[in-house]
Structures are given as structure tokens and as C-alpha cells.
Amino acid sequence: MPLVDDPPKPTGVRPNAGRMLTWWFGAMSAFGLAFGSMSEQRPFGNDVLAHPLVILFALVAAALLVLRFALRRSVPDLVSDRMLLVGCGIGILAFLIGNWFGTHLANLR
């Protein structure tokens, strides 16, 4: 008999969870910054639903749906619910940073 038992194996561990979170946070920050930097010009129109922040989150929702059907797994199996909300917060923060840079760099010209 061994003196020390093997530790129990964790259940539900995602093998690529770190990689998936890196892609999720990176994509949200990059697209948030890109959409924020062009939000001052309103390239999609002046309607409320054509605001770049609304378009950003519509594209995020469409991408998550495509990912869900392509991998045949639910999205919370890939990225947890809490990390989805953190990524959305990162996207909003990146949008605001891009908006600030877009408005202030446009005034320097």
C-alpha cells in the first residue's frame, strides 16, 4: 500500500481553456479598439442600431453562434459565462479607448 494516495483528477477541465481565453480577450480588445477608433465618423449611419458599438456586439454574437455550430459544443463549454462577461467588458473598455484616440488624434491634424 502506498503511503500517499494519488490526488483526485479534476473533472471538467478544458485542455485549451487558456488558449481560448487568450483569443477571446485579444479579439475583443482588438475589435473594440478598431470599432472605437472609427466611431466618431459613424460609418454605418446615424441610427441608434447603426452605432459602431451595437455593430460590434452584433458581430460578436454572430461569431459566437458560428463558433457554437462549427465546434458542435455550447459556448460556455469553451469559455465560461463569467469570462464571456469579462471579455465584453474588455471590448467596451477598448471601444472607449479607441474612441478617445480617434477623436483626439483627429483634432491634431
PDB file of N, CA and C in Angstrom:
ATOM      1  N   MET A   1       0.829  -1.194   0.000  1.00  0.00           N
ATOM      2  CA  MET A   1       0.000   0.000   0.000  1.00  0.00           C
ATOM      3  C   MET A   1       0.870   1.253   0.000  1.00  0.00           C
ATOM      4  N   PRO A   2       0.546   2.149  -0.898  1.00  0.00           N
ATOM      5  CA  PRO A   2       1.305   3.402  -0.879  1.00  0.00           C
ATOM      6  C   PRO A   2       0.894   4.272   0.301  1.00  0.00           C
ATOM      7  N   LEU A   3       1.838   5.036   0.778  1.00  0.00           N
ATOM      8  CA  LEU A   3       1.560   5.914   1.907  1.00  0.00           C
ATOM      9  C   LEU A   3       0.756   7.144   1.488  1.00  0.00           C
ATOM     10  N   VAL A   4       0.921   7.563   0.265  1.00  0.00           N
ATOM     11  CA  VAL A   4       0.235   8.757  -0.225  1.00  0.00           C
ATOM     12  C   VAL A   4      -0.657   8.347  -1.388  1.00  0.00           C
ATOM     13  N   ASP A   5      -1.908   8.720  -1.298  1.00  0.00           N
ATOM     14  CA  ASP A   5      -2.839   8.439  -2.387  1.00  0.00           C
ATOM     15  C   ASP A   5      -2.646   9.447  -3.505  1.00  0.00           C
ATOM     16  N   ASP A   6      -2.952   9.009  -4.705  1.00  0.00           N
ATOM     17  CA  ASP A   6      -2.908   9.934  -5.830  1.00  0.00           C
ATOM     18  C   ASP A   6      -3.982  10.987  -5.657  1.00  0.00           C
ATOM     19  N   PRO A   7      -3.675  12.235  -6.004  1.00  0.00           N
ATOM     20  CA  PRO A   7      -4.709  13.272  -5.892  1.00  0.00           C
ATOM     21  C   PRO A   7      -5.821  12.993  -6.898  1.00  0.00           C
ATOM     22  N   PRO A   8      -7.044  13.365  -6.551  1.00  0.00           N
ATOM     23  CA  PRO A   8      -8.150  13.134  -7.491  1.00  0.00           C
ATOM     24  C   PRO A   8      -7.981  13.988  -8.733  1.00  0.00           C
ATOM     25  N   LYS A   9      -8.327  13.401  -9.861  1.00  0.00           N
ATOM     26  CA  LYS A   9      -8.225  14.134 -11.115  1.00  0.00           C
ATOM     27  C   LYS A   9      -9.382  15.119 -11.215  1.00  0.00           C
ATOM     28  N   PRO A  10      -9.080  16.356 -11.583  1.00  0.00           N
ATOM     29  CA  PRO A  10     -10.168  17.340 -11.707  1.00  0.00           C
ATOM     30  C   PRO A  10     -11.076  16.987 -12.873  1.00  0.00           C
ATOM     31  N   THR A  11     -12.342  17.198 -12.669  1.00  0.00           N
ATOM     32  CA  THR A  11     -13.310  16.920 -13.733  1.00  0.00           C
ATOM     33  C   THR A  11     -13.694  18.223 -14.409  1.00  0.00           C
ATOM     34  N   GLY A  12     -13.988  18.146 -15.668  1.00  0.00           N
ATOM     35  CA  GLY A  12     -14.451  19.318 -16.407  1.00  0.00           C
ATOM     36  C   GLY A  12     -13.356  20.277 -16.798  1.00  0.00           C
ATOM     37  N   VAL A  13     -12.104  19.856 -16.753  1.00  0.00           N
ATOM     38  CA  VAL A  13     -11.017  20.749 -17.138  1.00  0.00           C
ATOM     39  C   VAL A  13     -10.943  20.810 -18.655  1.00  0.00           C
ATOM     40  N   ARG A  14     -10.907  21.994 -19.169  1.00  0.00           N
ATOM     41  CA  ARG A  14     -10.813  22.187 -20.613  1.00  0.00           C
ATOM     42  C   ARG A  14      -9.341  22.216 -20.996  1.00  0.00           C
ATOM     43  N   PRO A  15      -8.915  21.385 -21.934  1.00  0.00           N
ATOM     44  CA  PRO A  15      -7.497  21.356 -22.254  1.00  0.00           C
ATOM     45  C   PRO A  15      -6.984  22.645 -22.896  1.00  0.00           C
ATOM     46  N   ASN A  16      -7.789  23.325 -23.674  1.00  0.00           N
ATOM     47  CA  ASN A  16      -7.356  24.544 -24.361  1.00  0.00           C
ATOM     48  C   ASN A  16      -8.024  25.785 -23.793  1.00  0.00           C
ATOM     49  N   ALA A  17      -8.373  25.767 -22.518  1.00  0.00           N
ATOM     50  CA  ALA A  17      -9.093  26.905 -21.945  1.00  0.00           C
ATOM     51  C   ALA A  17      -8.242  28.175 -21.963  1.00  0.00           C
ATOM     52  N   GLY A  18      -6.964  28.056 -21.675  1.00  0.00           N
ATOM     53  CA  GLY A  18      -6.097  29.233 -21.681  1.00  0.00           C
ATOM     54  C   GLY A  18      -5.943  29.828 -23.065  1.00  0.00           C
ATOM     55  N   ARG A  19      -5.807  28.969 -24.054  1.00  0.00           N
ATOM     56  CA  ARG A  19      -5.677  29.446 -25.428  1.00  0.00           C
ATOM     57  C   ARG A  19      -6.965  30.111 -25.893  1.00  0.00           C
ATOM     58  N   MET A  20      -8.096  29.507 -25.526  1.00  0.00           N
ATOM     59  CA  MET A  20      -9.387  30.064 -25.927  1.00  0.00           C
ATOM     60  C   MET A  20      -9.615  31.436 -25.284  1.00  0.00           C
ATOM     61  N   LEU A  21      -9.236  31.565 -24.011  1.00  0.00           N
ATOM     62  CA  LEU A  21      -9.384  32.858 -23.334  1.00  0.00           C
ATOM     63  C   LEU A  21      -8.464  33.906 -23.944  1.00  0.00           C
ATOM     64  N   THR A  22      -7.273  33.497 -24.338  1.00  0.00           N
ATOM     65  CA  THR A  22      -6.353  34.436 -24.973  1.00  0.00           C
ATOM     66  C   THR A  22      -6.947  34.965 -26.273  1.00  0.00           C
ATOM     67  N   TRP A  23      -7.502  34.077 -27.091  1.00  0.00           N
ATOM     68  CA  TRP A  23      -8.134  34.502 -28.340  1.00  0.00           C
ATOM     69  C   TRP A  23      -9.358  35.368 -28.069  1.00  0.00           C
ATOM     70  N   TRP A  24     -10.152  35.002 -27.075  1.00  0.00           N
ATOM     71  CA  TRP A  24     -11.373  35.747 -26.759  1.00  0.00           C
ATOM     72  C   TRP A  24     -11.030  37.168 -26.318  1.00  0.00           C
ATOM     73  N   PHE A  25     -10.121  37.301 -25.351  1.00  0.00           N
ATOM     74  CA  PHE A  25      -9.767  38.629 -24.851  1.00  0.00           C
ATOM     75  C   PHE A  25      -9.034  39.441 -25.918  1.00  0.00           C
ATOM     76  N   GLY A  26      -8.159  38.793 -26.684  1.00  0.00           N
ATOM     77  CA  GLY A  26      -7.439  39.502 -27.739  1.00  0.00           C
ATOM     78  C   GLY A  26      -8.357  40.011 -28.835  1.00  0.00           C
ATOM     79  N   ALA A  27      -9.307  39.163 -29.246  1.00  0.00           N
ATOM     80  CA  ALA A  27     -10.245  39.580 -30.296  1.00  0.00           C
ATOM     81  C   ALA A  27     -11.144  40.710 -29.808  1.00  0.00           C
ATOM     82  N   MET A  28     -11.627  40.613 -28.582  1.00  0.00           N
ATOM     83  CA  MET A  28     -12.495  41.670 -28.059  1.00  0.00           C
ATOM     84  C   MET A  28     -11.743  42.992 -27.933  1.00  0.00           C
ATOM     85  N   SER A  29     -10.498  42.943 -27.491  1.00  0.00           N
ATOM     86  CA  SER A  29      -9.759  44.200 -27.352  1.00  0.00           C
ATOM     87  C   SER A  29      -9.387  44.768 -28.722  1.00  0.00           C
ATOM     88  N   ALA A  30      -9.000  43.919 -29.667  1.00  0.00           N
ATOM     89  CA  ALA A  30      -8.619  44.422 -30.994  1.00  0.00           C
ATOM     90  C   ALA A  30      -9.822  44.985 -31.743  1.00  0.00           C
ATOM     91  N   PHE A  31     -10.926  44.237 -31.757  1.00  0.00           N
ATOM     92  CA  PHE A  31     -12.099  44.732 -32.473  1.00  0.00           C
ATOM     93  C   PHE A  31     -12.737  45.914 -31.756  1.00  0.00           C
ATOM     94  N   GLY A  32     -12.704  45.927 -30.427  1.00  0.00           N
ATOM     95  CA  GLY A  32     -13.214  47.086 -29.694  1.00  0.00           C
ATOM     96  C   GLY A  32     -12.423  48.339 -30.004  1.00  0.00           C
ATOM     97  N   LEU A  33     -11.107  48.199 -30.075  1.00  0.00           N
ATOM     98  CA  LEU A  33     -10.254  49.339 -30.404  1.00  0.00           C
ATOM     99  C   LEU A  33     -10.494  49.804 -31.840  1.00  0.00           C
ATOM    100  N   ALA A  34     -10.647  48.857 -32.760  1.00  0.00           N
ATOM    101  CA  ALA A  34     -10.871  49.223 -34.164  1.00  0.00           C
ATOM    102  C   ALA A  34     -12.219  49.908 -34.360  1.00  0.00           C
ATOM    103  N   PHE A  35     -13.269  49.352 -33.762  1.00  0.00           N
ATOM    104  CA  PHE A  35     -14.590  49.963 -33.913  1.00  0.00           C
ATOM    105  C   PHE A  35     -14.668  51.298 -33.175  1.00  0.00           C
ATOM    106  N   GLY A  36     -13.966  51.406 -32.057  1.00  0.00           N
ATOM    107  CA  GLY A  36     -13.961  52.675 -31.322  1.00  0.00           C
ATOM    108  C   GLY A  36     -13.234  53.775 -32.058  1.00  0.00           C
ATOM    109  N   SER A  37     -12.162  53.413 -32.757  1.00  0.00           N
ATOM    110  CA  SER A  37     -11.389  54.446 -33.454  1.00  0.00           C
ATOM    111  C   SER A  37     -12.148  55.038 -34.643  1.00  0.00           C
ATOM    112  N   MET A  38     -13.095  54.274 -35.203  1.00  0.00           N
ATOM    113  CA  MET A  38     -13.865  54.813 -36.331  1.00  0.00           C
ATOM    114  C   MET A  38     -15.269  55.247 -35.931  1.00  0.00           C
ATOM    115  N   SER A  39     -15.561  55.247 -34.640  1.00  0.00           N
ATOM    116  CA  SER A  39     -16.935  55.551 -34.222  1.00  0.00           C
ATOM    117  C   SER A  39     -17.296  57.025 -34.359  1.00  0.00           C
ATOM    118  N   GLU A  40     -16.317  57.892 -34.380  1.00  0.00           N
ATOM    119  CA  GLU A  40     -16.614  59.315 -34.489  1.00  0.00           C
ATOM    120  C   GLU A  40     -17.176  59.658 -35.865  1.00  0.00           C
ATOM    121  N   GLN A  41     -16.753  58.925 -36.900  1.00  0.00           N
ATOM    122  CA  GLN A  41     -17.222  59.211 -38.251  1.00  0.00           C
ATOM    123  C   GLN A  41     -18.578  58.593 -38.540  1.00  0.00           C
ATOM    124  N   ARG A  42     -19.044  57.673 -37.697  1.00  0.00           N
ATOM    125  CA  ARG A  42     -20.325  56.966 -37.890  1.00  0.00           C
ATOM    126  C   ARG A  42     -20.404  56.348 -39.280  1.00  0.00           C
ATOM    127  N   PRO A  43     -19.550  55.366 -39.603  1.00  0.00           N
ATOM    128  CA  PRO A  43     -19.506  54.814 -40.964  1.00  0.00           C
ATOM    129  C   PRO A  43     -20.734  53.993 -41.344  1.00  0.00           C
ATOM    130  N   PHE A  44     -21.527  53.556 -40.379  1.00  0.00           N
ATOM    131  CA  PHE A  44     -22.691  52.722 -40.669  1.00  0.00           C
ATOM    132  C   PHE A  44     -23.994  53.519 -40.698  1.00  0.00           C
ATOM    133  N   GLY A  45     -23.944  54.796 -40.436  1.00  0.00           N
ATOM    134  CA  GLY A  45     -25.134  55.640 -40.434  1.00  0.00           C
ATOM    135  C   GLY A  45     -25.332  56.289 -39.078  1.00  0.00           C
ATOM    136  N   ASN A  46     -26.376  57.112 -38.959  1.00  0.00           N
ATOM    137  CA  ASN A  46     -26.638  57.842 -37.720  1.00  0.00           C
ATOM    138  C   ASN A  46     -27.730  57.217 -36.867  1.00  0.00           C
ATOM    139  N   ASP A  47     -28.251  56.092 -37.266  1.00  0.00           N
ATOM    140  CA  ASP A  47     -29.285  55.413 -36.497  1.00  0.00           C
ATOM    141  C   ASP A  47     -28.681  54.809 -35.231  1.00  0.00           C
ATOM    142  N   VAL A  48     -29.515  54.584 -34.221  1.00  0.00           N
ATOM    143  CA  VAL A  48     -29.040  54.005 -32.965  1.00  0.00           C
ATOM    144  C   VAL A  48     -28.509  52.587 -33.194  1.00  0.00           C
ATOM    145  N   LEU A  49     -29.205  51.817 -34.034  1.00  0.00           N
ATOM    146  CA  LEU A  49     -28.766  50.454 -34.300  1.00  0.00           C
ATOM    147  C   LEU A  49     -27.558  50.403 -35.227  1.00  0.00           C
ATOM    148  N   ALA A  50     -27.188  51.518 -35.822  1.00  0.00           N
ATOM    149  CA  ALA A  50     -26.016  51.576 -36.683  1.00  0.00           C
ATOM    150  C   ALA A  50     -24.797  52.131 -35.949  1.00  0.00           C
ATOM    151  N   HIS A  51     -24.904  52.336 -34.646  1.00  0.00           N
ATOM    152  CA  HIS A  51     -23.765  52.803 -33.870  1.00  0.00           C
ATOM    153  C   HIS A  51     -22.696  51.712 -33.875  1.00  0.00           C
ATOM    154  N   PRO A  52     -21.432  52.071 -33.979  1.00  0.00           N
ATOM    155  CA  PRO A  52     -20.380  51.060 -34.059  1.00  0.00           C
ATOM    156  C   PRO A  52     -20.323  50.108 -32.855  1.00  0.00           C
ATOM    157  N   LEU A  53     -20.714  50.561 -31.668  1.00  0.00           N
ATOM    158  CA  LEU A  53     -20.725  49.661 -30.516  1.00  0.00           C
ATOM    159  C   LEU A  53     -21.800  48.585 -30.664  1.00  0.00           C
ATOM    160  N   VAL A  54     -22.947  48.958 -31.202  1.00  0.00           N
ATOM    161  CA  VAL A  54     -24.023  47.985 -31.439  1.00  0.00           C
ATOM    162  C   VAL A  54     -23.606  47.003 -32.525  1.00  0.00           C
ATOM    163  N   ILE A  55     -22.972  47.503 -33.579  1.00  0.00           N
ATOM    164  CA  ILE A  55     -22.495  46.640 -34.661  1.00  0.00           C
ATOM    165  C   ILE A  55     -21.415  45.697 -34.137  1.00  0.00           C
ATOM    166  N   LEU A  56     -20.546  46.191 -33.275  1.00  0.00           N
ATOM    167  CA  LEU A  56     -19.501  45.352 -32.682  1.00  0.00           C
ATOM    168  C   LEU A  56     -20.109  44.163 -31.947  1.00  0.00           C
ATOM    169  N   PHE A  57     -21.091  44.419 -31.088  1.00  0.00           N
ATOM    170  CA  PHE A  57     -21.661  43.323 -30.310  1.00  0.00           C
ATOM    171  C   PHE A  57     -22.568  42.438 -31.151  1.00  0.00           C
ATOM    172  N   ALA A  58     -23.131  42.961 -32.234  1.00  0.00           N
ATOM    173  CA  ALA A  58     -23.876  42.100 -33.155  1.00  0.00           C
ATOM    174  C   ALA A  58     -22.915  41.136 -33.860  1.00  0.00           C
ATOM    175  N   LEU A  59     -21.747  41.629 -34.243  1.00  0.00           N
ATOM    176  CA  LEU A  59     -20.748  40.761 -34.864  1.00  0.00           C
ATOM    177  C   LEU A  59     -20.188  39.742 -33.874  1.00  0.00           C
ATOM    178  N   VAL A  60     -20.027  40.145 -32.620  1.00  0.00           N
ATOM    179  CA  VAL A  60     -19.567  39.210 -31.585  1.00  0.00           C
ATOM    180  C   VAL A  60     -20.594  38.101 -31.384  1.00  0.00           C
ATOM    181  N   ALA A  61     -21.870  38.460 -31.329  1.00  0.00           N
ATOM    182  CA  ALA A  61     -22.923  37.451 -31.167  1.00  0.00           C
ATOM    183  C   ALA A  61     -22.948  36.503 -32.363  1.00  0.00           C
ATOM    184  N   ALA A  62     -22.792  37.038 -33.563  1.00  0.00           N
ATOM    185  CA  ALA A  62     -22.775  36.184 -34.758  1.00  0.00           C
ATOM    186  C   ALA A  62     -21.557  35.262 -34.752  1.00  0.00           C
ATOM    187  N   ALA A  63     -20.409  35.776 -34.329  1.00  0.00           N
ATOM    188  CA  ALA A  63     -19.202  34.947 -34.274  1.00  0.00           C
ATOM    189  C   ALA A  63     -19.335  33.837 -33.233  1.00  0.00           C
ATOM    190  N   LEU A  64     -19.952  34.142 -32.097  1.00  0.00           N
ATOM    191  CA  LEU A  64     -20.156  33.107 -31.083  1.00  0.00           C
ATOM    192  C   LEU A  64     -21.139  32.046 -31.559  1.00  0.00           C
ATOM    193  N   LEU A  65     -22.149  32.446 -32.322  1.00  0.00           N
ATOM    194  CA  LEU A  65     -23.072  31.463 -32.896  1.00  0.00           C
ATOM    195  C   LEU A  65     -22.381  30.581 -33.933  1.00  0.00           C
ATOM    196  N   VAL A  66     -21.551  31.177 -34.771  1.00  0.00           N
ATOM    197  CA  VAL A  66     -20.806  30.385 -35.756  1.00  0.00           C
ATOM    198  C   VAL A  66     -19.861  29.417 -35.060  1.00  0.00           C
ATOM    199  N   LEU A  67     -19.197  29.891 -34.016  1.00  0.00           N
ATOM    200  CA  LEU A  67     -18.296  29.030 -33.245  1.00  0.00           C
ATOM    201  C   LEU A  67     -19.047  27.885 -32.592  1.00  0.00           C
ATOM    202  N   ARG A  68     -20.230  28.155 -32.088  1.00  0.00           N
ATOM    203  CA  ARG A  68     -21.038  27.140 -31.440  1.00  0.00           C
ATOM    204  C   ARG A  68     -21.434  26.042 -32.422  1.00  0.00           C
ATOM    205  N   PHE A  69     -21.870  26.425 -33.622  1.00  0.00           N
ATOM    206  CA  PHE A  69     -22.302  25.431 -34.599  1.00  0.00           C
ATOM    207  C   PHE A  69     -21.117  24.754 -35.287  1.00  0.00           C
ATOM    208  N   ALA A  70     -20.009  25.447 -35.433  1.00  0.00           N
ATOM    209  CA  ALA A  70     -18.844  24.840 -36.082  1.00  0.00           C
ATOM    210  C   ALA A  70     -18.197  23.778 -35.193  1.00  0.00           C
ATOM    211  N   LEU A  71     -18.123  24.043 -33.899  1.00  0.00           N
ATOM    212  CA  LEU A  71     -17.487  23.091 -32.987  1.00  0.00           C
ATOM    213  C   LEU A  71     -18.466  22.102 -32.364  1.00  0.00           C
ATOM    214  N   ARG A  72     -19.762  22.338 -32.572  1.00  0.00           N
ATOM    215  CA  ARG A  72     -20.818  21.469 -32.029  1.00  0.00           C
ATOM    216  C   ARG A  72     -20.736  21.319 -30.515  1.00  0.00           C
ATOM    217  N   ARG A  73     -20.379  22.402 -29.867  1.00  0.00           N
ATOM    218  CA  ARG A  73     -20.352  22.469 -28.400  1.00  0.00           C
ATOM    219  C   ARG A  73     -20.965  23.797 -27.991  1.00  0.00           C
ATOM    220  N   SER A  74     -21.502  23.826 -26.798  1.00  0.00           N
ATOM    221  CA  SER A  74     -22.071  25.092 -26.343  1.00  0.00           C
ATOM    222  C   SER A  74     -20.939  26.068 -26.022  1.00  0.00           C
ATOM    223  N   VAL A  75     -21.219  27.329 -26.139  1.00  0.00           N
ATOM    224  CA  VAL A  75     -20.195  28.354 -25.921  1.00  0.00           C
ATOM    225  C   VAL A  75     -19.677  28.333 -24.481  1.00  0.00           C
ATOM    226  N   PRO A  76     -20.522  28.155 -23.445  1.00  0.00           N
ATOM    227  CA  PRO A  76     -19.963  28.093 -22.095  1.00  0.00           C
ATOM    228  C   PRO A  76     -19.050  26.888 -21.849  1.00  0.00           C
ATOM    229  N   ASP A  77     -19.098  25.869 -22.719  1.00  0.00           N
ATOM    230  CA  ASP A  77     -18.122  24.789 -22.614  1.00  0.00           C
ATOM    231  C   ASP A  77     -16.747  25.259 -23.076  1.00  0.00           C
ATOM    232  N   LEU A  78     -16.704  26.233 -23.959  1.00  0.00           N
ATOM    233  CA  LEU A  78     -15.438  26.754 -24.471  1.00  0.00           C
ATOM    234  C   LEU A  78     -14.906  27.891 -23.609  1.00  0.00           C
ATOM    235  N   VAL A  79     -15.767  28.845 -23.315  1.00  0.00           N
ATOM    236  CA  VAL A  79     -15.420  29.998 -22.481  1.00  0.00           C
ATOM    237  C   VAL A  79     -16.525  30.126 -21.442  1.00  0.00           C
ATOM    238  N   SER A  80     -16.145  30.207 -20.179  1.00  0.00           N
ATOM    239  CA  SER A  80     -17.159  30.244 -19.122  1.00  0.00           C
ATOM    240  C   SER A  80     -17.987  31.531 -19.199  1.00  0.00           C
ATOM    241  N   ASP A  81     -19.145  31.491 -18.575  1.00  0.00           N
ATOM    242  CA  ASP A  81     -20.051  32.643 -18.604  1.00  0.00           C
ATOM    243  C   ASP A  81     -19.396  33.892 -18.035  1.00  0.00           C
ATOM    244  N   ARG A  82     -18.677  33.713 -16.954  1.00  0.00           N
ATOM    245  CA  ARG A  82     -18.038  34.867 -16.315  1.00  0.00           C
ATOM    246  C   ARG A  82     -16.967  35.477 -17.218  1.00  0.00           C
ATOM    247  N   MET A  83     -16.214  34.618 -17.894  1.00  0.00           N
ATOM    248  CA  MET A  83     -15.178  35.118 -18.799  1.00  0.00           C
ATOM    249  C   MET A  83     -15.781  35.751 -20.055  1.00  0.00           C
ATOM    250  N   LEU A  84     -16.972  35.301 -20.460  1.00  0.00           N
ATOM    251  CA  LEU A  84     -17.673  35.973 -21.558  1.00  0.00           C
ATOM    252  C   LEU A  84     -18.014  37.407 -21.178  1.00  0.00           C
ATOM    253  N   LEU A  85     -18.491  37.588 -19.945  1.00  0.00           N
ATOM    254  CA  LEU A  85     -18.811  38.947 -19.479  1.00  0.00           C
ATOM    255  C   LEU A  85     -17.561  39.798 -19.317  1.00  0.00           C
ATOM    256  N   VAL A  86     -16.477  39.193 -18.837  1.00  0.00           N
ATOM    257  CA  VAL A  86     -15.220  39.936 -18.716  1.00  0.00           C
ATOM    258  C   VAL A  86     -14.735  40.363 -20.096  1.00  0.00           C
ATOM    259  N   GLY A  87     -14.855  39.471 -21.084  1.00  0.00           N
ATOM    260  CA  GLY A  87     -14.468  39.816 -22.453  1.00  0.00           C
ATOM    261  C   GLY A  87     -15.320  40.936 -23.026  1.00  0.00           C
ATOM    262  N   CYS A  88     -16.608  40.918 -22.729  1.00  0.00           N
ATOM    263  CA  CYS A  88     -17.476  42.012 -23.185  1.00  0.00           C
ATOM    264  C   CYS A  88     -17.080  43.327 -22.521  1.00  0.00           C
ATOM    265  N   GLY A  89     -16.717  43.267 -21.254  1.00  0.00           N
ATOM    266  CA  GLY A  89     -16.231  44.474 -20.567  1.00  0.00           C
ATOM    267  C   GLY A  89     -14.932  44.978 -21.167  1.00  0.00           C
ATOM    268  N   ILE A  90     -14.041  44.056 -21.531  1.00  0.00           N
ATOM    269  CA  ILE A  90     -12.794  44.441 -22.193  1.00  0.00           C
ATOM    270  C   ILE A  90     -13.093  45.078 -23.540  1.00  0.00           C
ATOM    271  N   GLY A  91     -14.086  44.545 -24.257  1.00  0.00           N
ATOM    272  CA  GLY A  91     -14.464  45.111 -25.547  1.00  0.00           C
ATOM    273  C   GLY A  91     -14.999  46.526 -25.414  1.00  0.00           C
ATOM    274  N   ILE A  92     -15.825  46.761 -24.396  1.00  0.00           N
ATOM    275  CA  ILE A  92     -16.363  48.110 -24.168  1.00  0.00           C
ATOM    276  C   ILE A  92     -15.246  49.071 -23.779  1.00  0.00           C
ATOM    277  N   LEU A  93     -14.349  48.628 -22.904  1.00  0.00           N
ATOM    278  CA  LEU A  93     -13.231  49.476 -22.493  1.00  0.00           C
ATOM    279  C   LEU A  93     -12.320  49.792 -23.680  1.00  0.00           C
ATOM    280  N   ALA A  94     -12.041  48.791 -24.511  1.00  0.00           N
ATOM    281  CA  ALA A  94     -11.217  49.020 -25.698  1.00  0.00           C
ATOM    282  C   ALA A  94     -11.932  49.947 -26.686  1.00  0.00           C
ATOM    283  N   PHE A  95     -13.254  49.821 -26.785  1.00  0.00           N
ATOM    284  CA  PHE A  95     -14.026  50.720 -27.642  1.00  0.00           C
ATOM    285  C   PHE A  95     -13.879  52.164 -27.172  1.00  0.00           C
ATOM    286  N   LEU A  96     -13.986  52.385 -25.874  1.00  0.00           N
ATOM    287  CA  LEU A  96     -13.858  53.745 -25.340  1.00  0.00           C
ATOM    288  C   LEU A  96     -12.450  54.300 -25.526  1.00  0.00           C
ATOM    289  N   ILE A  97     -11.439  53.433 -25.360  1.00  0.00           N
ATOM    290  CA  ILE A  97     -10.059  53.875 -25.581  1.00  0.00           C
ATOM    291  C   ILE A  97      -9.859  54.227 -27.060  1.00  0.00           C
ATOM    292  N   GLY A  98     -10.372  53.381 -27.954  1.00  0.00           N
ATOM    293  CA  GLY A  98     -10.270  53.673 -29.377  1.00  0.00           C
ATOM    294  C   GLY A  98     -11.019  54.931 -29.763  1.00  0.00           C
ATOM    295  N   ASN A  99     -12.164  55.159 -29.133  1.00  0.00           N
ATOM    296  CA  ASN A  99     -12.938  56.376 -29.393  1.00  0.00           C
ATOM    297  C   ASN A  99     -12.157  57.600 -28.939  1.00  0.00           C
ATOM    298  N   TRP A 100     -11.514  57.511 -27.791  1.00  0.00           N
ATOM    299  CA  TRP A 100     -10.721  58.637 -27.289  1.00  0.00           C
ATOM    300  C   TRP A 100      -9.565  58.924 -28.242  1.00  0.00           C
ATOM    301  N   PHE A 101      -8.853  57.867 -28.650  1.00  0.00           N
ATOM    302  CA  PHE A 101      -7.746  58.077 -29.590  1.00  0.00           C
ATOM    303  C   PHE A 101      -8.248  58.609 -30.925  1.00  0.00           C
ATOM    304  N   GLY A 102      -9.367  58.087 -31.392  1.00  0.00           N
ATOM    305  CA  GLY A 102      -9.899  58.535 -32.679  1.00  0.00           C
ATOM    306  C   GLY A 102     -10.293  59.994 -32.671  1.00  0.00           C
ATOM    307  N   THR A 103     -10.897  60.465 -31.596  1.00  0.00           N
ATOM    308  CA  THR A 103     -11.318  61.868 -31.547  1.00  0.00           C
ATOM    309  C   THR A 103     -10.146  62.806 -31.304  1.00  0.00           C
ATOM    310  N   HIS A 104      -9.208  62.407 -30.440  1.00  0.00           N
ATOM    311  CA  HIS A 104      -8.113  63.300 -30.127  1.00  0.00           C
ATOM    312  C   HIS A 104      -7.038  63.325 -31.203  1.00  0.00           C
ATOM    313  N   LEU A 105      -6.825  62.208 -31.884  1.00  0.00           N
ATOM    314  CA  LEU A 105      -5.849  62.214 -32.970  1.00  0.00           C
ATOM    315  C   LEU A 105      -6.407  62.913 -34.195  1.00  0.00           C
ATOM    316  N   ALA A 106      -7.716  62.895 -34.372  1.00  0.00           N
ATOM    317  CA  ALA A 106      -8.317  63.607 -35.492  1.00  0.00           C
ATOM    318  C   ALA A 106      -8.188  65.119 -35.296  1.00  0.00           C
ATOM    319  N   ASN A 107      -8.200  65.571 -34.048  1.00  0.00           N
ATOM    320  CA  ASN A 107      -8.071  67.010 -33.766  1.00  0.00           C
ATOM    321  C   ASN A 107      -6.644  67.506 -33.911  1.00  0.00           C
ATOM    322  N   LEU A 108      -5.659  66.603 -33.944  1.00  0.00           N
ATOM    323  CA  LEU A 108      -4.274  67.025 -34.080  1.00  0.00           C
ATOM    324  C   LEU A 108      -3.918  67.407 -35.509  1.00  0.00           C
ATOM    325  N   ARG A 109      -4.709  66.972 -36.472  1.00  0.00           N
ATOM    326  CA  ARG A 109      -4.398  67.268 -37.881  1.00  0.00           C
ATOM    327  C   ARG A 109      -4.633  68.701 -38.230  1.00  0.00           C
TER     328      ARG A 109
END
